[in-house]
Amino acid sequence: MLRYLGAFTLASMACITPVFAQDEPSRIVATTTQASDLIRVLTADLPPGTLALTALMGSGVDPHLYLPTEADIRAIQEADAVFYSGLHLEGQFGEVFANLSNRGIATHALSEPVERAGYIIGGFTLSERYQNVADPHFWFDPRNWQMSATYATDALVQLLPDHRGPIEENAIEYAATLSTLFTWAEQAMAVVPEQQRVLVSSHDAFQYFGAAFGWQVRGLQGISTEDEAGVADIQQLVEFVMEREIPVIFVESSVPPDAIEAVQEAVRANGGRVRLGIQTLYSDAMDAPEHYGGRYPGMLISNILIILESYRCAGIDLTIPPVPEELAEGLPAELAQPDCAVID
């Protein structure tokens, strides 16, 4: 069970969001695909015209490197509330966010309740400016994401008090969905023999995922894609893959494949064999909202199926538990019945 679930409660916000008249829609800006998906879920049943959501980043966009456009800055400055991931994930937004408090615009870092509860993984270096910083990919543990959902629910109720009922009902339903998701994910990721539970990918985005489900994680780049992988990084990962006899390594949807493909080529050049995953993993960005991987549960399920089916196609004997019926709607056929021949 999720460590944060049980009776659904809404904590009082330390910073009260101003309430605006509903003559026009409340304007909300969400930076990442995860943030915008969460706002859509919680406000799905509100009457048309209640709010206007501006989602800044789309599928495949790397939030570490994303530079806000003039239109983005204008939307943020005109917003009633801004929801963002935090922990320096939106690395180019620092100055923009710093100026918002002077304008009286409510900002909500979805990582805040997770950090406050002490579930953040830290001790990383992003740059000379940012030393000993936290891993920003907290959402890859569904228990953390539930904390963010509760936090966002409270903020939305403060912004839209006349719509408390449907917002909180959506939140309760979403909590149940995340509970089901975590239970299935925990069972699914355990089907790989323990000594083979190693996830190697383009950059170090999956530490929370690994901690939640008992997998060792190794990324070619650091926690930020601003850190470019050099020859020494590639060689170290090649040695690791060969020593551990890792059968599959993974490309991420928001990171160019060149570097991880170089690892595969180097392993082969040294007499080893490693394959690429049957598809790219979602890391810093999800899919477009209309796709299965564009919703948080679908994103996580897609990643798990890609990992496990890639291991199965590479010769690891395992049986994957079926995706719960309530989470399987829209599951792509290539994930439900993958073709092992696509692995190189």
Protein backbone atom coordinates (compact mmCIF):
# COMPACT_ATOMS: atom_id res chain seq x y z
CA MET A 1 0.00 0.00 0.00
CA LEU A 2 1.06 3.56 -0.54
CA ARG A 3 2.75 5.04 2.49
CA TYR A 4 0.73 8.26 2.17
CA LEU A 5 -2.71 6.84 1.41
CA GLY A 6 -5.53 6.10 3.77
CA ALA A 7 -8.10 8.69 4.73
CA PHE A 8 -7.80 11.47 2.18
CA THR A 9 -7.08 14.74 3.95
CA LEU A 10 -6.29 18.22 2.71
CA ALA A 11 -3.60 20.05 4.64
CA SER A 12 -3.84 23.78 5.15
CA MET A 13 -1.60 25.71 2.84
CA ALA A 14 1.11 27.87 4.39
CA CYS A 15 0.63 30.35 1.60
CA ILE A 16 -3.01 31.07 0.72
CA THR A 17 -3.67 31.49 -2.97
CA PRO A 18 -5.74 34.57 -3.79
CA VAL A 19 -9.34 33.89 -4.82
CA PHE A 20 -10.38 35.53 -8.06
CA ALA A 21 -13.79 36.37 -9.37
CA GLN A 22 -15.16 33.88 -11.86
CA ASP A 23 -16.25 36.43 -14.45
CA GLU A 24 -13.36 35.06 -16.47
CA PRO A 25 -11.45 31.78 -16.20
CA SER A 26 -8.78 31.42 -13.54
CA ARG A 27 -5.48 31.24 -15.38
CA ILE A 28 -3.17 28.38 -14.46
CA VAL A 29 0.25 27.71 -15.93
CA ALA A 30 1.90 24.30 -15.61
CA THR A 31 5.47 23.82 -16.73
CA THR A 32 6.11 20.10 -17.28
CA THR A 33 3.95 17.41 -18.85
CA GLN A 34 3.56 15.77 -15.43
CA ALA A 35 2.36 19.00 -13.84
CA SER A 36 -0.14 19.80 -16.57
CA ASP A 37 -1.50 16.22 -16.53
CA LEU A 38 -2.11 16.44 -12.77
CA ILE A 39 -4.02 19.72 -13.10
CA ARG A 40 -6.15 18.22 -15.89
CA VAL A 41 -6.99 15.20 -13.74
CA LEU A 42 -8.01 17.23 -10.70
CA THR A 43 -10.08 19.76 -12.66
CA ALA A 44 -11.56 17.38 -15.23
CA ASP A 45 -15.18 17.83 -14.08
CA LEU A 46 -15.25 21.59 -13.68
CA PRO A 47 -17.71 23.56 -15.82
CA PRO A 48 -16.35 24.94 -19.09
CA GLY A 49 -14.84 28.36 -18.67
CA THR A 50 -13.88 27.83 -15.03
CA LEU A 51 -10.16 27.83 -15.72
CA ALA A 52 -7.71 28.20 -18.55
CA LEU A 53 -4.67 25.91 -18.37
CA THR A 54 -1.48 26.79 -20.24
CA ALA A 55 0.91 23.84 -20.52
CA LEU A 56 4.37 25.15 -21.37
CA MET A 57 6.19 21.93 -22.28
CA GLY A 58 5.05 19.17 -24.60
CA SER A 59 5.96 15.55 -25.18
CA GLY A 60 9.64 14.82 -25.71
CA VAL A 61 10.71 18.18 -24.26
CA ASP A 62 13.66 18.16 -21.88
CA PRO A 63 12.77 20.46 -18.94
CA HIS A 64 16.42 20.64 -17.85
CA LEU A 65 17.29 22.50 -21.05
CA TYR A 66 13.97 24.16 -21.93
CA LEU A 67 14.29 27.92 -22.36
CA PRO A 68 11.09 29.88 -21.62
CA THR A 69 9.83 31.79 -24.63
CA GLU A 70 8.41 35.30 -24.56
CA ALA A 71 4.94 33.74 -24.76
CA ASP A 72 5.76 31.51 -21.78
CA ILE A 73 6.92 34.45 -19.68
CA ARG A 74 3.84 36.46 -20.61
CA ALA A 75 1.54 33.56 -19.69
CA ILE A 76 3.33 33.14 -16.34
CA GLN A 77 3.13 36.86 -15.55
CA GLU A 78 -0.60 36.89 -16.32
CA ALA A 79 -1.36 33.70 -14.37
CA ASP A 80 -3.33 33.37 -11.16
CA ALA A 81 -1.26 30.32 -10.18
CA VAL A 82 1.79 28.51 -11.51
CA PHE A 83 2.44 24.80 -10.89
CA TYR A 84 5.94 23.53 -11.52
CA SER A 85 8.02 20.49 -10.64
CA GLY A 86 10.83 22.12 -8.66
CA LEU A 87 14.22 20.97 -7.36
CA HIS A 88 15.90 22.75 -10.29
CA LEU A 89 14.23 20.47 -12.87
CA GLU A 90 13.19 23.57 -14.82
CA GLY A 91 16.78 24.76 -14.78
CA GLN A 92 16.30 27.79 -17.02
CA PHE A 93 13.32 29.21 -15.11
CA GLY A 94 15.12 30.34 -11.95
CA GLU A 95 14.99 34.09 -12.60
CA VAL A 96 11.43 33.89 -13.93
CA PHE A 97 10.17 32.13 -10.79
CA ALA A 98 12.12 34.49 -8.52
CA ASN A 99 10.23 37.48 -9.91
CA LEU A 100 6.76 36.00 -9.45
CA SER A 101 6.45 36.66 -5.73
CA ASN A 102 6.92 40.36 -6.40
CA ARG A 103 3.87 40.20 -8.67
CA GLY A 104 1.70 38.39 -6.13
CA ILE A 105 1.41 35.30 -8.30
CA ALA A 106 0.99 32.05 -6.37
CA THR A 107 3.63 29.44 -7.26
CA HIS A 108 3.40 25.78 -6.29
CA ALA A 109 6.39 23.44 -6.53
CA LEU A 110 4.95 19.93 -6.70
CA SER A 111 8.12 18.61 -5.09
CA GLU A 112 7.55 20.72 -1.96
CA PRO A 113 5.52 18.20 0.11
CA VAL A 114 7.88 15.38 -0.83
CA GLU A 115 10.89 17.42 0.22
CA ARG A 116 9.16 18.52 3.40
CA ALA A 117 8.41 14.88 4.30
CA GLY A 118 12.05 13.90 3.80
CA TYR A 119 11.61 11.57 0.81
CA ILE A 120 13.96 13.42 -1.54
CA ILE A 121 17.14 11.72 -2.74
CA GLY A 122 20.05 14.18 -2.51
CA GLY A 123 23.78 14.57 -2.76
CA PHE A 124 24.20 15.33 -6.48
CA THR A 125 26.15 18.01 -8.33
CA LEU A 126 24.51 19.85 -11.19
CA SER A 127 27.16 22.49 -11.78
CA GLU A 128 29.61 24.71 -9.95
CA ARG A 129 26.61 26.79 -8.93
CA TYR A 130 24.54 23.87 -7.64
CA GLN A 131 26.42 21.51 -5.32
CA ASN A 132 24.91 18.72 -3.23
CA VAL A 133 21.45 19.22 -4.75
CA ALA A 134 18.44 16.92 -4.80
CA ASP A 135 17.45 14.53 -7.56
CA PRO A 136 14.44 16.26 -9.16
CA HIS A 137 12.79 13.12 -10.60
CA PHE A 138 10.68 12.47 -7.49
CA TRP A 139 7.50 11.58 -9.41
CA PHE A 140 8.87 8.17 -10.41
CA ASP A 141 7.75 6.86 -7.03
CA PRO A 142 3.91 6.89 -7.17
CA ARG A 143 3.83 7.43 -3.40
CA ASN A 144 5.63 10.74 -3.90
CA TRP A 145 3.27 11.68 -6.70
CA GLN A 146 0.32 11.09 -4.39
CA MET A 147 1.78 13.67 -2.02
CA SER A 148 2.03 16.10 -4.93
CA ALA A 149 -1.58 15.37 -5.90
CA THR A 150 -2.80 16.15 -2.37
CA TYR A 151 -0.77 19.35 -2.34
CA ALA A 152 -2.12 20.42 -5.76
CA THR A 153 -5.67 19.61 -4.67
CA ASP A 154 -5.38 21.94 -1.70
CA ALA A 155 -3.97 24.71 -3.88
CA LEU A 156 -6.76 24.33 -6.43
CA VAL A 157 -9.44 24.40 -3.74
CA GLN A 158 -7.96 27.66 -2.44
CA LEU A 159 -8.06 29.09 -5.95
CA LEU A 160 -11.51 27.72 -6.82
CA PRO A 161 -13.42 27.35 -3.53
CA ASP A 162 -16.81 27.16 -5.27
CA HIS A 163 -15.64 23.95 -6.97
CA ARG A 164 -14.24 22.16 -3.91
CA GLY A 165 -16.59 19.19 -4.34
CA PRO A 166 -15.59 17.96 -7.81
CA ILE A 167 -11.90 18.75 -7.24
CA GLU A 168 -11.79 16.70 -4.04
CA GLU A 169 -13.83 13.88 -5.60
CA ASN A 170 -11.35 13.69 -8.46
CA ALA A 171 -8.50 13.68 -5.94
CA ILE A 172 -10.00 10.76 -4.01
CA GLU A 173 -10.47 8.77 -7.21
CA TYR A 174 -6.94 9.57 -8.31
CA ALA A 175 -5.55 8.43 -4.96
CA ALA A 176 -7.23 5.05 -5.48
CA THR A 177 -5.78 4.86 -9.00
CA LEU A 178 -2.27 5.55 -7.72
CA SER A 179 -2.68 2.91 -5.02
CA THR A 180 -3.66 0.30 -7.60
CA LEU A 181 -0.80 1.43 -9.82
CA PHE A 182 1.79 1.09 -7.07
CA THR A 183 0.60 -2.37 -6.05
CA TRP A 184 0.79 -3.66 -9.63
CA ALA A 185 4.14 -1.96 -10.31
CA GLU A 186 5.66 -3.47 -7.18
CA GLN A 187 4.56 -6.95 -8.22
CA ALA A 188 5.63 -6.49 -11.83
CA MET A 189 9.13 -5.18 -11.17
CA ALA A 190 9.77 -8.10 -8.81
CA VAL A 191 9.42 -10.75 -11.55
CA VAL A 192 13.01 -10.15 -12.73
CA PRO A 193 15.52 -12.20 -10.69
CA GLU A 194 17.04 -9.98 -8.02
CA GLN A 195 20.64 -10.16 -9.29
CA GLN A 196 19.47 -8.97 -12.72
CA ARG A 197 17.45 -5.96 -11.55
CA VAL A 198 19.63 -3.26 -13.08
CA LEU A 199 18.24 -0.39 -15.16
CA VAL A 200 20.74 1.37 -17.43
CA SER A 201 19.51 4.42 -19.34
CA SER A 202 20.54 7.67 -20.98
CA HIS A 203 20.63 9.81 -17.85
CA ASP A 204 20.16 9.35 -14.13
CA ALA A 205 16.39 9.89 -14.01
CA PHE A 206 15.25 6.70 -12.30
CA GLN A 207 16.73 6.70 -8.78
CA TYR A 208 13.30 7.09 -7.16
CA PHE A 209 11.89 4.39 -9.42
CA GLY A 210 14.72 2.05 -8.47
CA ALA A 211 14.36 2.80 -4.77
CA ALA A 212 10.60 2.22 -4.88
CA PHE A 213 10.81 -1.15 -6.64
CA GLY A 214 14.16 -2.60 -5.60
CA TRP A 215 16.25 -2.02 -8.74
CA GLN A 216 19.76 -0.69 -9.12
CA VAL A 217 19.88 2.26 -11.50
CA ARG A 218 22.74 3.58 -13.61
CA GLY A 219 22.57 6.53 -15.99
CA LEU A 220 25.13 7.57 -18.58
CA GLN A 221 24.62 11.26 -17.83
CA GLY A 222 24.00 12.74 -14.39
CA ILE A 223 20.63 13.79 -12.97
CA SER A 224 20.57 16.76 -15.34
CA THR A 225 20.98 16.48 -19.10
CA GLU A 226 23.02 19.67 -18.87
CA ASP A 227 25.86 17.31 -17.88
CA GLU A 228 27.15 15.95 -21.17
CA ALA A 229 28.58 12.45 -21.23
CA GLY A 230 32.26 12.26 -22.17
CA VAL A 231 34.45 9.44 -23.40
CA ALA A 232 35.37 8.47 -19.84
CA ASP A 233 31.67 8.27 -18.87
CA ILE A 234 30.95 6.01 -21.81
CA GLN A 235 33.90 3.76 -21.04
CA GLN A 236 32.90 3.42 -17.39
CA LEU A 237 29.38 2.45 -18.35
CA VAL A 238 30.69 -0.02 -20.94
CA GLU A 239 32.78 -1.72 -18.25
CA PHE A 240 29.80 -1.79 -15.88
CA VAL A 241 27.50 -3.34 -18.50
CA MET A 242 30.04 -6.00 -19.43
CA GLU A 243 30.97 -6.85 -15.83
CA ARG A 244 27.33 -7.22 -14.81
CA GLU A 245 26.35 -8.93 -18.09
CA ILE A 246 23.43 -6.54 -18.47
CA PRO A 247 21.34 -7.65 -21.46
CA VAL A 248 19.45 -4.41 -22.24
CA ILE A 249 20.10 -0.68 -22.01
CA PHE A 250 17.51 2.01 -22.63
CA VAL A 251 17.15 5.24 -24.58
CA GLU A 252 14.89 7.95 -23.13
CA SER A 253 12.27 9.84 -25.11
CA SER A 254 13.53 13.30 -24.13
CA VAL A 255 17.25 12.55 -24.58
CA PRO A 256 19.06 12.06 -27.93
CA PRO A 257 19.97 8.37 -28.44
CA ASP A 258 23.54 8.94 -29.66
CA ALA A 259 25.34 8.51 -26.35
CA ILE A 260 23.60 5.32 -25.22
CA GLU A 261 23.99 3.89 -28.73
CA ALA A 262 27.72 4.61 -28.40
CA VAL A 263 27.73 2.45 -25.26
CA GLN A 264 26.10 -0.39 -27.18
CA GLU A 265 28.64 -0.10 -29.99
CA ALA A 266 31.57 -0.06 -27.55
CA VAL A 267 30.28 -3.12 -25.71
CA ARG A 268 30.06 -4.98 -29.01
CA ALA A 269 33.50 -3.77 -30.05
CA ASN A 270 34.86 -5.29 -26.83
CA GLY A 271 33.28 -8.66 -27.57
CA GLY A 272 30.16 -8.23 -25.47
CA ARG A 273 26.51 -8.10 -26.37
CA VAL A 274 23.82 -5.73 -25.20
CA ARG A 275 20.54 -4.75 -26.80
CA LEU A 276 18.48 -1.59 -26.80
CA GLY A 277 15.02 -1.58 -25.23
CA ILE A 278 12.04 -2.33 -27.44
CA GLN A 279 11.01 1.33 -27.11
CA THR A 280 12.28 4.52 -25.51
CA LEU A 281 11.49 5.15 -21.84
CA TYR A 282 9.62 8.21 -20.65
CA SER A 283 11.86 10.14 -18.28
CA ASP A 284 11.62 13.93 -17.97
CA ALA A 285 8.60 14.21 -20.26
CA MET A 286 5.50 12.16 -20.88
CA ASP A 287 3.67 11.65 -24.18
CA ALA A 288 1.02 13.96 -25.62
CA PRO A 289 -2.13 14.12 -23.43
CA GLU A 290 -4.28 12.15 -25.88
CA HIS A 291 -1.91 9.16 -25.79
CA TYR A 292 -1.72 6.39 -23.18
CA GLY A 293 1.76 7.51 -22.11
CA GLY A 294 0.53 11.10 -21.80
CA ARG A 295 -1.21 10.30 -18.51
CA TYR A 296 0.82 9.58 -15.38
CA PRO A 297 -0.42 6.00 -14.81
CA GLY A 298 0.00 5.19 -18.50
CA MET A 299 3.49 6.67 -18.51
CA LEU A 300 4.63 4.52 -15.59
CA ILE A 301 2.92 1.38 -16.90
CA SER A 302 4.49 1.93 -20.33
CA ASN A 303 7.95 2.22 -18.80
CA ILE A 304 7.49 -0.93 -16.72
CA LEU A 305 6.23 -2.96 -19.66
CA ILE A 306 9.06 -1.67 -21.88
CA ILE A 307 11.65 -2.65 -19.26
CA LEU A 308 10.19 -6.08 -18.54
CA GLU A 309 9.37 -7.01 -22.13
CA SER A 310 12.86 -5.91 -23.18
CA TYR A 311 14.37 -8.21 -20.56
CA ARG A 312 12.06 -11.04 -21.64
CA CYS A 313 12.98 -10.53 -25.28
CA ALA A 314 16.64 -10.64 -24.26
CA GLY A 315 16.15 -14.13 -22.87
CA ILE A 316 15.28 -13.52 -19.20
CA ASP A 317 12.60 -15.97 -18.07
CA LEU A 318 9.77 -13.99 -16.48
CA THR A 319 5.99 -13.73 -16.37
CA ILE A 320 4.54 -10.24 -16.27
CA PRO A 321 1.33 -9.81 -14.25
CA PRO A 322 -1.53 -8.37 -16.32
CA VAL A 323 -2.17 -4.66 -16.06
CA PRO A 324 -5.26 -4.03 -13.88
CA GLU A 325 -8.34 -3.61 -16.02
CA GLU A 326 -9.04 -0.12 -14.74
CA LEU A 327 -5.55 0.98 -15.84
CA ALA A 328 -5.39 -0.86 -19.16
CA GLU A 329 -7.78 1.25 -21.23
CA GLY A 330 -5.89 2.55 -24.26
CA LEU A 331 -2.83 0.36 -23.67
CA PRO A 332 -1.00 0.27 -27.05
CA ALA A 333 -0.91 -3.09 -28.79
CA GLU A 334 2.87 -2.89 -29.18
CA LEU A 335 3.14 -2.92 -25.38
CA ALA A 336 0.43 -5.50 -24.74
CA GLN A 337 2.00 -7.87 -27.30
CA PRO A 338 5.48 -6.58 -28.17
CA ASP A 339 7.55 -7.84 -31.06
CA CYS A 340 10.91 -9.07 -29.78
CA ALA A 341 12.35 -8.72 -33.26
CA VAL A 342 12.51 -4.93 -32.88
CA ILE A 343 15.33 -5.27 -30.35
CA ASP A 344 18.68 -4.73 -32.00
